[in-house]
Protein backbone atom coordinates (compact mmCIF):
# COMPACT_ATOMS: atom_id res chain seq x y z
CA MET A 1 -4.98 -9.65 -11.57
CA THR A 2 -1.78 -9.90 -9.55
CA GLU A 3 0.10 -13.10 -8.89
CA TYR A 4 2.15 -13.57 -5.71
CA ARG A 5 4.45 -16.16 -4.13
CA ILE A 6 5.06 -16.56 -0.39
CA SER A 7 8.59 -17.76 0.37
CA GLY A 8 8.86 -17.35 4.13
CA ILE A 9 7.33 -16.40 7.44
CA TRP A 10 8.05 -14.60 10.70
CA LYS A 11 6.85 -16.07 14.01
CA ASN A 12 6.40 -14.59 17.48
CA THR A 13 7.87 -16.14 20.64
CA ASP A 14 4.83 -18.44 20.90
CA GLY A 15 5.53 -19.87 17.44
CA VAL A 16 2.53 -18.15 15.83
CA ILE A 17 3.02 -16.77 12.31
CA THR A 18 2.83 -12.97 12.40
CA ALA A 19 4.10 -11.98 8.94
CA TYR A 20 4.78 -13.39 5.48
CA ALA A 21 7.40 -12.79 2.76
CA PHE A 22 5.44 -11.89 -0.41
CA HIS A 23 6.94 -11.69 -3.90
CA ARG A 24 4.97 -10.20 -6.80
CA VAL A 25 5.30 -12.15 -10.04
CA ILE A 26 6.40 -9.85 -12.85
CA ASN A 27 6.66 -12.50 -15.58
CA THR A 28 7.29 -16.24 -15.75
CA ILE A 29 10.90 -15.91 -14.59
CA THR A 30 11.04 -12.61 -12.65
CA LEU A 31 9.74 -11.88 -9.16
CA THR A 32 10.19 -8.90 -6.86
CA ARG A 33 12.28 -9.01 -3.71
CA ALA A 34 10.41 -10.17 -0.63
CA GLU A 35 8.03 -7.69 0.97
CA LYS A 36 7.18 -8.34 4.61
CA LYS A 37 3.40 -8.28 5.08
CA SER A 38 1.68 -8.54 8.44
CA LYS A 39 -0.91 -11.25 8.92
CA ALA A 40 -3.70 -8.71 8.29
CA GLN A 41 -2.01 -7.37 5.13
CA ALA A 42 -1.42 -10.92 3.86
CA ILE A 43 -5.05 -11.88 4.41
CA ALA A 44 -6.24 -8.73 2.62
CA THR A 45 -3.90 -9.47 -0.32
CA VAL A 46 -5.13 -13.06 -0.67
CA GLU A 47 -8.79 -12.02 -0.34
CA LEU A 48 -8.54 -9.28 -2.98
CA ALA A 49 -10.53 -10.40 -6.01
CA GLY A 50 -8.30 -11.35 -8.93
CA ASN A 51 -5.17 -12.02 -6.87
CA SER A 52 -3.63 -15.49 -6.87
CA VAL A 53 -1.14 -16.62 -4.24
CA THR A 54 0.98 -19.75 -4.02
CA THR A 55 3.81 -20.86 -1.80
CA TRP A 56 7.36 -20.65 -3.15
CA VAL A 57 9.37 -23.49 -1.65
CA TRP A 58 13.15 -23.89 -1.65
CA ASN A 59 14.18 -27.15 -3.31
CA TYR A 60 17.49 -28.29 -1.83
CA LYS A 61 18.08 -30.90 -4.56
CA THR A 62 17.88 -28.41 -7.44
CA ALA A 63 19.05 -25.35 -5.46
CA ARG A 64 16.14 -23.21 -6.62
CA PHE A 65 12.63 -22.22 -5.58
CA ASP A 66 9.66 -24.25 -6.83
CA ILE A 67 6.05 -23.13 -7.04
CA GLY A 68 4.17 -24.84 -4.25
CA GLU A 69 0.53 -24.92 -3.24
CA THR A 70 -2.32 -22.45 -3.66
CA VAL A 71 -2.87 -20.24 -0.60
CA THR A 72 -6.36 -19.34 0.62
CA VAL A 73 -7.89 -17.60 3.63
CA VAL A 74 -9.88 -19.71 6.07
CA GLY A 75 -11.83 -18.74 9.15
CA THR A 76 -14.12 -15.82 9.87
CA GLY A 77 -13.97 -12.44 11.60
CA THR A 78 -10.85 -12.08 13.72
CA ASN A 79 -10.09 -15.80 13.44
CA LYS A 80 -8.77 -15.75 9.84
CA TYR A 81 -5.47 -17.20 8.72
CA LEU A 82 -3.70 -18.37 5.56
CA ARG A 83 -3.78 -21.99 4.57
CA SER A 84 -2.64 -24.13 1.67
CA ASN A 85 -4.36 -27.36 0.57
CA PRO A 86 -6.10 -28.39 3.82
CA ASP A 87 -5.26 -32.09 3.95
CA ASN A 88 -3.65 -32.36 7.40
CA LYS A 89 -0.09 -32.17 6.11
CA LEU A 90 2.74 -30.07 7.52
CA THR A 91 2.35 -27.67 4.61
CA ASP A 92 -1.26 -26.78 5.48
CA ASN A 93 -0.60 -23.58 7.42
CA LEU A 94 2.62 -22.42 5.76
CA GLY A 95 4.69 -23.29 8.86
CA HIS A 96 7.06 -25.27 6.63
CA LEU A 97 8.30 -22.14 4.80
CA ILE A 98 11.65 -20.51 5.55
CA ASN A 99 11.66 -18.81 8.96
CA PHE A 100 12.88 -15.27 8.25
CA ASP A 101 13.14 -14.34 11.95
CA TRP A 102 16.89 -14.90 11.92
CA ILE A 103 17.41 -13.30 8.48
CA ALA A 104 15.46 -10.04 8.70
CA PRO A 105 13.65 -8.54 11.69
């Protein structure tokens, strides 16, 4: 079983998420550097049996990342995407995560 955190996203010019920043959890306090995964790679990672994925959200008050919500795959066929706790909040589709477009291409 592998545990991952998603800390950020990349969007295309239409504002659609095209890639995700994945970190593999090594132990309770150590994570790997971000690995950019395409939408298809991210979906495959989340769908792989035994993997667990949560968001990793920057907390401005404490100046550190906090573990966020569980990430799942929704949809079927070519209409799949990642989603966290589907309750009609901004955080549902991971659009609230750091936009890495301006940090790393």
